[in-house]
């Protein structure tokens, strides 16, 4: 039997760790069960990552990278497209990432918010900054040069909340199989269009400008990656 390559072992550990951390959280997860799931030697975590804490950080980063690869943040819309289309692409991609059952970074993040360790704070911040800058840039374009930075941030926060809140609750409801948490959003594309329509109307109100409220939201081109 061919000897297992070191890269394969590291990848298996990251994959197994993300699964175990989703199910049990950082504190209750053990290195032993992660190594067992990865079919790796118990010493492999120290060899590749140095500690359980470092594995936790890298497992989240790995899961986040997989989710963004599956659902690119631009949603298949080019950077030179009109701001309305770029907003739709970003909203669509974010909603699909959250809804995707394979996006374990969100589930790990939820556990971290509920029972924080502080270990993911810097890692998450560094990964989220580039994505947030793109959303803020779209908000600035839509709000115009006279908008204050506070208005930009408030509008961005409102849009992100419309994406996160219902999808995270719906995803959590499916995991606990709660009869009190019905699936309310089945057509993700329709919901993305609704979020953008609502957002454009809100942005127009902030601007005191009705020009945005009549804009149609077109479905962005989808990349071959399946985003």
C-alpha atoms as a PDB file:
ATOM      1  CA  UNK A   1       0.000   0.000   0.000  1.00  0.00           C
ATOM      2  CA  UNK A   2       1.368   3.407  -0.958  1.00  0.00           C
ATOM      3  CA  UNK A   3       2.354   5.636   1.917  1.00  0.00           C
ATOM      4  CA  UNK A   4      -0.173   8.369   2.559  1.00  0.00           C
ATOM      5  CA  UNK A   5       1.081  11.784   1.483  1.00  0.00           C
ATOM      6  CA  UNK A   6       1.520  14.390   4.216  1.00  0.00           C
ATOM      7  CA  UNK A   7      -0.691  16.854   2.337  1.00  0.00           C
ATOM      8  CA  UNK A   8      -3.506  14.313   2.298  1.00  0.00           C
ATOM      9  CA  UNK A   9      -3.231  13.794   6.060  1.00  0.00           C
ATOM     10  CA  UNK A  10      -3.304  17.527   6.737  1.00  0.00           C
ATOM     11  CA  UNK A  11      -6.378  17.968   4.532  1.00  0.00           C
ATOM     12  CA  UNK A  12      -8.127  15.055   6.221  1.00  0.00           C
ATOM     13  CA  UNK A  13      -7.399  16.519   9.639  1.00  0.00           C
ATOM     14  CA  UNK A  14      -8.813  19.904   8.606  1.00  0.00           C
ATOM     15  CA  UNK A  15     -11.929  18.282   7.172  1.00  0.00           C
ATOM     16  CA  UNK A  16     -12.453  16.039  10.200  1.00  0.00           C
ATOM     17  CA  UNK A  17     -11.794  18.895  12.613  1.00  0.00           C
ATOM     18  CA  UNK A  18     -14.395  21.111  10.971  1.00  0.00           C
ATOM     19  CA  UNK A  19     -16.987  18.355  11.348  1.00  0.00           C
ATOM     20  CA  UNK A  20     -16.162  17.677  15.003  1.00  0.00           C
ATOM     21  CA  UNK A  21     -15.960  21.370  15.920  1.00  0.00           C
ATOM     22  CA  UNK A  22     -19.405  21.925  14.350  1.00  0.00           C
ATOM     23  CA  UNK A  23     -20.891  19.061  16.343  1.00  0.00           C
ATOM     24  CA  UNK A  24     -19.205  19.645  19.696  1.00  0.00           C
ATOM     25  CA  UNK A  25     -17.578  23.038  19.731  1.00  0.00           C
ATOM     26  CA  UNK A  26     -13.953  23.708  20.586  1.00  0.00           C
ATOM     27  CA  UNK A  27     -14.042  22.837  24.261  1.00  0.00           C
ATOM     28  CA  UNK A  28     -15.836  19.494  23.984  1.00  0.00           C
ATOM     29  CA  UNK A  29     -14.055  18.312  20.842  1.00  0.00           C
ATOM     30  CA  UNK A  30     -11.045  16.100  21.429  1.00  0.00           C
ATOM     31  CA  UNK A  31      -7.921  15.610  19.364  1.00  0.00           C
ATOM     32  CA  UNK A  32      -8.432  11.858  19.664  1.00  0.00           C
ATOM     33  CA  UNK A  33     -11.839  11.861  17.954  1.00  0.00           C
ATOM     34  CA  UNK A  34     -10.620  14.243  15.252  1.00  0.00           C
ATOM     35  CA  UNK A  35      -7.679  11.971  14.479  1.00  0.00           C
ATOM     36  CA  UNK A  36      -9.934   8.926  14.525  1.00  0.00           C
ATOM     37  CA  UNK A  37     -12.311  10.505  12.004  1.00  0.00           C
ATOM     38  CA  UNK A  38      -9.350  11.516   9.842  1.00  0.00           C
ATOM     39  CA  UNK A  39      -7.759   8.058  10.152  1.00  0.00           C
ATOM     40  CA  UNK A  40      -4.606   9.778  11.391  1.00  0.00           C
ATOM     41  CA  UNK A  41      -2.154   9.095  14.177  1.00  0.00           C
ATOM     42  CA  UNK A  42      -2.928  10.865  17.458  1.00  0.00           C
ATOM     43  CA  UNK A  43       0.352  12.791  17.167  1.00  0.00           C
ATOM     44  CA  UNK A  44      -0.589  14.205  13.743  1.00  0.00           C
ATOM     45  CA  UNK A  45      -2.294  17.307  15.148  1.00  0.00           C
ATOM     46  CA  UNK A  46       0.841  18.436  16.948  1.00  0.00           C
ATOM     47  CA  UNK A  47       2.963  17.557  13.934  1.00  0.00           C
ATOM     48  CA  UNK A  48       0.937  19.567  11.417  1.00  0.00           C
ATOM     49  CA  UNK A  49      -0.577  22.321  13.549  1.00  0.00           C
ATOM     50  CA  UNK A  50       1.258  22.431  16.850  1.00  0.00           C
ATOM     51  CA  UNK A  51      -1.847  22.518  19.039  1.00  0.00           C
ATOM     52  CA  UNK A  52      -5.586  21.980  19.168  1.00  0.00           C
ATOM     53  CA  UNK A  53      -6.023  25.764  19.241  1.00  0.00           C
ATOM     54  CA  UNK A  54      -4.113  26.214  15.995  1.00  0.00           C
ATOM     55  CA  UNK A  55      -6.064  23.369  14.408  1.00  0.00           C
ATOM     56  CA  UNK A  56      -9.308  25.116  15.389  1.00  0.00           C
ATOM     57  CA  UNK A  57      -8.210  28.304  13.658  1.00  0.00           C
ATOM     58  CA  UNK A  58      -6.999  26.529  10.536  1.00  0.00           C
ATOM     59  CA  UNK A  59     -10.098  24.334  10.356  1.00  0.00           C
ATOM     60  CA  UNK A  60     -12.330  27.410  10.337  1.00  0.00           C
ATOM     61  CA  UNK A  61     -10.131  29.126   7.745  1.00  0.00           C
ATOM     62  CA  UNK A  62     -10.184  25.979   5.603  1.00  0.00           C
ATOM     63  CA  UNK A  63     -13.985  25.697   5.830  1.00  0.00           C
ATOM     64  CA  UNK A  64     -14.360  29.385   5.005  1.00  0.00           C
ATOM     65  CA  UNK A  65     -12.112  29.058   1.944  1.00  0.00           C
ATOM     66  CA  UNK A  66     -14.131  26.063   0.725  1.00  0.00           C
ATOM     67  CA  UNK A  67     -17.397  27.977   1.133  1.00  0.00           C
ATOM     68  CA  UNK A  68     -16.103  31.015  -0.757  1.00  0.00           C
ATOM     69  CA  UNK A  69     -14.738  28.780  -3.516  1.00  0.00           C
ATOM     70  CA  UNK A  70     -18.154  27.122  -3.861  1.00  0.00           C
ATOM     71  CA  UNK A  71     -19.979  30.462  -3.720  1.00  0.00           C
ATOM     72  CA  UNK A  72     -17.634  33.274  -4.887  1.00  0.00           C
ATOM     73  CA  UNK A  73     -18.388  36.500  -3.079  1.00  0.00           C
ATOM     74  CA  UNK A  74     -19.153  38.465  -6.245  1.00  0.00           C
ATOM     75  CA  UNK A  75     -21.903  36.032  -7.234  1.00  0.00           C
ATOM     76  CA  UNK A  76     -20.601  35.867 -10.774  1.00  0.00           C
ATOM     77  CA  UNK A  77     -20.939  39.616 -11.391  1.00  0.00           C
ATOM     78  CA  UNK A  78     -17.934  41.499 -12.767  1.00  0.00           C
ATOM     79  CA  UNK A  79     -16.353  44.383 -10.868  1.00  0.00           C
ATOM     80  CA  UNK A  80     -17.236  46.847 -13.634  1.00  0.00           C
ATOM     81  CA  UNK A  81     -20.956  45.980 -13.602  1.00  0.00           C
ATOM     82  CA  UNK A  82     -23.448  48.581 -12.296  1.00  0.00           C
ATOM     83  CA  UNK A  83     -23.585  48.833  -8.509  1.00  0.00           C
ATOM     84  CA  UNK A  84     -27.124  47.408  -8.407  1.00  0.00           C
ATOM     85  CA  UNK A  85     -25.985  44.234 -10.164  1.00  0.00           C
ATOM     86  CA  UNK A  86     -22.900  43.929  -7.964  1.00  0.00           C
ATOM     87  CA  UNK A  87     -25.115  44.221  -4.888  1.00  0.00           C
ATOM     88  CA  UNK A  88     -27.368  41.475  -6.231  1.00  0.00           C
ATOM     89  CA  UNK A  89     -24.375  39.230  -6.883  1.00  0.00           C
ATOM     90  CA  UNK A  90     -23.009  39.734  -3.376  1.00  0.00           C
ATOM     91  CA  UNK A  91     -26.386  39.203  -1.720  1.00  0.00           C
ATOM     92  CA  UNK A  92     -27.077  36.102  -3.784  1.00  0.00           C
ATOM     93  CA  UNK A  93     -23.669  34.588  -2.985  1.00  0.00           C
ATOM     94  CA  UNK A  94     -23.952  35.298   0.738  1.00  0.00           C
ATOM     95  CA  UNK A  95     -27.431  33.795   1.004  1.00  0.00           C
ATOM     96  CA  UNK A  96     -26.324  30.662  -0.845  1.00  0.00           C
ATOM     97  CA  UNK A  97     -23.216  30.311   1.322  1.00  0.00           C
ATOM     98  CA  UNK A  98     -25.240  30.494   4.522  1.00  0.00           C
ATOM     99  CA  UNK A  99     -27.896  28.115   3.230  1.00  0.00           C
ATOM    100  CA  UNK A 100     -25.378  25.538   2.004  1.00  0.00           C
ATOM    101  CA  UNK A 101     -25.239  22.655   4.476  1.00  0.00           C
ATOM    102  CA  UNK A 102     -21.596  22.107   3.508  1.00  0.00           C
ATOM    103  CA  UNK A 103     -20.625  25.614   4.657  1.00  0.00           C
ATOM    104  CA  UNK A 104     -19.331  24.580   8.050  1.00  0.00           C
ATOM    105  CA  UNK A 105     -17.614  27.900   8.726  1.00  0.00           C
ATOM    106  CA  UNK A 106     -20.991  29.458   9.587  1.00  0.00           C
ATOM    107  CA  UNK A 107     -21.852  26.649  11.975  1.00  0.00           C
ATOM    108  CA  UNK A 108     -18.485  26.905  13.722  1.00  0.00           C
ATOM    109  CA  UNK A 109     -18.956  30.678  13.924  1.00  0.00           C
ATOM    110  CA  UNK A 110     -22.375  30.231  15.528  1.00  0.00           C
ATOM    111  CA  UNK A 111     -20.894  28.049  18.248  1.00  0.00           C
ATOM    112  CA  UNK A 112     -18.139  30.587  18.752  1.00  0.00           C
ATOM    113  CA  UNK A 113     -20.661  33.396  19.211  1.00  0.00           C
ATOM    114  CA  UNK A 114     -22.647  31.351  21.743  1.00  0.00           C
ATOM    115  CA  UNK A 115     -19.658  30.028  23.670  1.00  0.00           C
ATOM    116  CA  UNK A 116     -16.705  32.229  22.687  1.00  0.00           C
ATOM    117  CA  UNK A 117     -13.121  31.105  23.013  1.00  0.00           C
ATOM    118  CA  UNK A 118     -11.591  34.210  21.431  1.00  0.00           C
ATOM    119  CA  UNK A 119      -9.451  31.957  19.265  1.00  0.00           C
ATOM    120  CA  UNK A 120     -11.201  32.839  15.988  1.00  0.00           C
ATOM    121  CA  UNK A 121     -11.451  36.583  16.504  1.00  0.00           C
ATOM    122  CA  UNK A 122      -8.349  37.574  14.525  1.00  0.00           C
ATOM    123  CA  UNK A 123      -8.732  34.838  11.907  1.00  0.00           C
ATOM    124  CA  UNK A 124     -12.327  35.777  11.143  1.00  0.00           C
ATOM    125  CA  UNK A 125     -11.563  39.476  11.070  1.00  0.00           C
ATOM    126  CA  UNK A 126      -8.765  39.047   8.535  1.00  0.00           C
ATOM    127  CA  UNK A 127     -10.864  36.840   6.262  1.00  0.00           C
ATOM    128  CA  UNK A 128     -13.971  39.023   6.457  1.00  0.00           C
ATOM    129  CA  UNK A 129     -12.254  42.377   5.847  1.00  0.00           C
ATOM    130  CA  UNK A 130     -11.778  41.924   2.054  1.00  0.00           C
ATOM    131  CA  UNK A 131     -15.378  40.748   1.619  1.00  0.00           C
ATOM    132  CA  UNK A 132     -16.742  43.611   3.695  1.00  0.00           C
ATOM    133  CA  UNK A 133     -14.730  46.176   1.759  1.00  0.00           C
ATOM    134  CA  UNK A 134     -16.447  45.048  -1.447  1.00  0.00           C
ATOM    135  CA  UNK A 135     -19.879  45.442   0.116  1.00  0.00           C
ATOM    136  CA  UNK A 136     -18.992  48.853   1.532  1.00  0.00           C
ATOM    137  CA  UNK A 137     -17.738  49.917  -1.897  1.00  0.00           C
ATOM    138  CA  UNK A 138     -21.084  49.010  -3.455  1.00  0.00           C
ATOM    139  CA  UNK A 139     -22.919  50.939  -0.730  1.00  0.00           C
ATOM    140  CA  UNK A 140     -20.784  54.022  -1.399  1.00  0.00           C
ATOM    141  CA  UNK A 141     -21.537  53.806  -5.111  1.00  0.00           C
ATOM    142  CA  UNK A 142     -25.272  53.470  -4.479  1.00  0.00           C
ATOM    143  CA  UNK A 143     -25.467  56.184  -1.824  1.00  0.00           C
ATOM    144  CA  UNK A 144     -23.394  58.679  -3.761  1.00  0.00           C
ATOM    145  CA  UNK A 145     -20.526  60.994  -2.807  1.00  0.00           C
ATOM    146  CA  UNK A 146     -22.569  63.021  -0.318  1.00  0.00           C
ATOM    147  CA  UNK A 147     -23.255  60.038   1.970  1.00  0.00           C
ATOM    148  CA  UNK A 148     -21.517  59.925   5.327  1.00  0.00           C
ATOM    149  CA  UNK A 149     -19.507  56.898   6.361  1.00  0.00           C
ATOM    150  CA  UNK A 150     -22.083  56.272   9.066  1.00  0.00           C
ATOM    151  CA  UNK A 151     -24.826  56.034   6.444  1.00  0.00           C
ATOM    152  CA  UNK A 152     -22.689  53.646   4.391  1.00  0.00           C
ATOM    153  CA  UNK A 153     -22.083  51.377   7.376  1.00  0.00           C
ATOM    154  CA  UNK A 154     -25.717  51.483   8.501  1.00  0.00           C
ATOM    155  CA  UNK A 155     -26.980  50.513   5.029  1.00  0.00           C
ATOM    156  CA  UNK A 156     -24.391  47.736   4.752  1.00  0.00           C
ATOM    157  CA  UNK A 157     -25.403  46.399   8.164  1.00  0.00           C
ATOM    158  CA  UNK A 158     -29.073  46.387   7.197  1.00  0.00           C
ATOM    159  CA  UNK A 159     -28.409  44.454   3.988  1.00  0.00           C
ATOM    160  CA  UNK A 160     -26.194  41.886   5.707  1.00  0.00           C
ATOM    161  CA  UNK A 161     -28.797  41.419   8.439  1.00  0.00           C
ATOM    162  CA  UNK A 162     -31.454  40.600   5.856  1.00  0.00           C
ATOM    163  CA  UNK A 163     -29.145  37.928   4.473  1.00  0.00           C
ATOM    164  CA  UNK A 164     -27.901  36.459   7.737  1.00  0.00           C
ATOM    165  CA  UNK A 165     -30.811  36.446  10.147  1.00  0.00           C
ATOM    166  CA  UNK A 166     -33.497  34.415   8.344  1.00  0.00           C
ATOM    167  CA  UNK A 167     -31.064  31.995   6.725  1.00  0.00           C
ATOM    168  CA  UNK A 168     -29.165  31.262   9.951  1.00  0.00           C
ATOM    169  CA  UNK A 169     -32.422  30.706  11.872  1.00  0.00           C
ATOM    170  CA  UNK A 170     -33.738  28.458   9.136  1.00  0.00           C
ATOM    171  CA  UNK A 171     -30.489  26.488   9.042  1.00  0.00           C
ATOM    172  CA  UNK A 172     -30.492  26.106  12.823  1.00  0.00           C
ATOM    173  CA  UNK A 173     -34.106  24.937  12.736  1.00  0.00           C
ATOM    174  CA  UNK A 174     -33.268  22.208  10.260  1.00  0.00           C
ATOM    175  CA  UNK A 175     -30.390  20.990  12.416  1.00  0.00           C
ATOM    176  CA  UNK A 176     -32.547  20.611  15.524  1.00  0.00           C
ATOM    177  CA  UNK A 177     -35.519  19.397  13.452  1.00  0.00           C
ATOM    178  CA  UNK A 178     -37.804  21.779  15.315  1.00  0.00           C
ATOM    179  CA  UNK A 179     -41.460  21.738  14.315  1.00  0.00           C
ATOM    180  CA  UNK A 180     -41.617  25.341  15.501  1.00  0.00           C
ATOM    181  CA  UNK A 181     -39.038  26.448  12.925  1.00  0.00           C
ATOM    182  CA  UNK A 182     -40.705  25.982   9.533  1.00  0.00           C
ATOM    183  CA  UNK A 183     -38.768  26.472   6.322  1.00  0.00           C
ATOM    184  CA  UNK A 184     -39.897  29.887   5.143  1.00  0.00           C
ATOM    185  CA  UNK A 185     -37.480  30.478   2.266  1.00  0.00           C
ATOM    186  CA  UNK A 186     -37.283  27.785  -0.378  1.00  0.00           C
ATOM    187  CA  UNK A 187     -36.469  29.899  -3.435  1.00  0.00           C
ATOM    188  CA  UNK A 188     -33.089  31.473  -2.647  1.00  0.00           C
ATOM    189  CA  UNK A 189     -32.920  33.437  -5.892  1.00  0.00           C
ATOM    190  CA  UNK A 190     -36.358  34.964  -5.308  1.00  0.00           C
ATOM    191  CA  UNK A 191     -35.348  35.908  -1.771  1.00  0.00           C
ATOM    192  CA  UNK A 192     -32.097  37.478  -3.013  1.00  0.00           C
ATOM    193  CA  UNK A 193     -34.077  39.606  -5.473  1.00  0.00           C
ATOM    194  CA  UNK A 194     -36.433  40.634  -2.680  1.00  0.00           C
ATOM    195  CA  UNK A 195     -33.540  41.660  -0.411  1.00  0.00           C
ATOM    196  CA  UNK A 196     -31.979  43.766  -3.156  1.00  0.00           C
ATOM    197  CA  UNK A 197     -35.291  45.411  -4.062  1.00  0.00           C
ATOM    198  CA  UNK A 198     -35.894  46.279  -0.403  1.00  0.00           C
ATOM    199  CA  UNK A 199     -32.302  47.493  -0.005  1.00  0.00           C
ATOM    200  CA  UNK A 200     -32.462  49.740  -3.071  1.00  0.00           C
ATOM    201  CA  UNK A 201     -35.672  51.316  -1.814  1.00  0.00           C
ATOM    202  CA  UNK A 202     -34.057  51.929   1.577  1.00  0.00           C
ATOM    203  CA  UNK A 203     -30.936  53.404   0.012  1.00  0.00           C
ATOM    204  CA  UNK A 204     -33.092  55.682  -2.141  1.00  0.00           C
ATOM    205  CA  UNK A 205     -34.839  56.875   1.005  1.00  0.00           C
ATOM    206  CA  UNK A 206     -31.514  57.607   2.682  1.00  0.00           C
ATOM    207  CA  UNK A 207     -30.440  59.566  -0.374  1.00  0.00           C
ATOM    208  CA  UNK A 208     -33.798  61.311  -0.594  1.00  0.00           C
ATOM    209  CA  UNK A 209     -33.779  60.112  -4.187  1.00  0.00           C
ATOM    210  CA  UNK A 210     -36.461  58.102  -5.942  1.00  0.00           C
ATOM    211  CA  UNK A 211     -34.214  57.171  -8.877  1.00  0.00           C
ATOM    212  CA  UNK A 212     -33.175  53.849  -7.335  1.00  0.00           C
ATOM    213  CA  UNK A 213     -36.622  52.557  -6.478  1.00  0.00           C
ATOM    214  CA  UNK A 214     -37.558  51.826 -10.080  1.00  0.00           C
ATOM    215  CA  UNK A 215     -34.422  49.869 -10.917  1.00  0.00           C
ATOM    216  CA  UNK A 216     -34.953  46.307 -12.024  1.00  0.00           C
ATOM    217  CA  UNK A 217     -32.823  43.558 -10.502  1.00  0.00           C
ATOM    218  CA  UNK A 218     -31.446  41.215 -13.109  1.00  0.00           C
ATOM    219  CA  UNK A 219     -30.198  37.731 -12.425  1.00  0.00           C
ATOM    220  CA  UNK A 220     -26.372  37.809 -12.568  1.00  0.00           C
ATOM    221  CA  UNK A 221     -24.400  35.528 -14.820  1.00  0.00           C
ATOM    222  CA  UNK A 222     -23.430  32.352 -13.003  1.00  0.00           C
ATOM    223  CA  UNK A 223     -19.855  31.190 -13.191  1.00  0.00           C
ATOM    224  CA  UNK A 224     -18.929  27.689 -14.194  1.00  0.00           C
ATOM    225  CA  UNK A 225     -17.910  27.004 -10.590  1.00  0.00           C
ATOM    226  CA  UNK A 226     -21.589  26.682  -9.692  1.00  0.00           C
ATOM    227  CA  UNK A 227     -21.756  29.804  -7.508  1.00  0.00           C
END
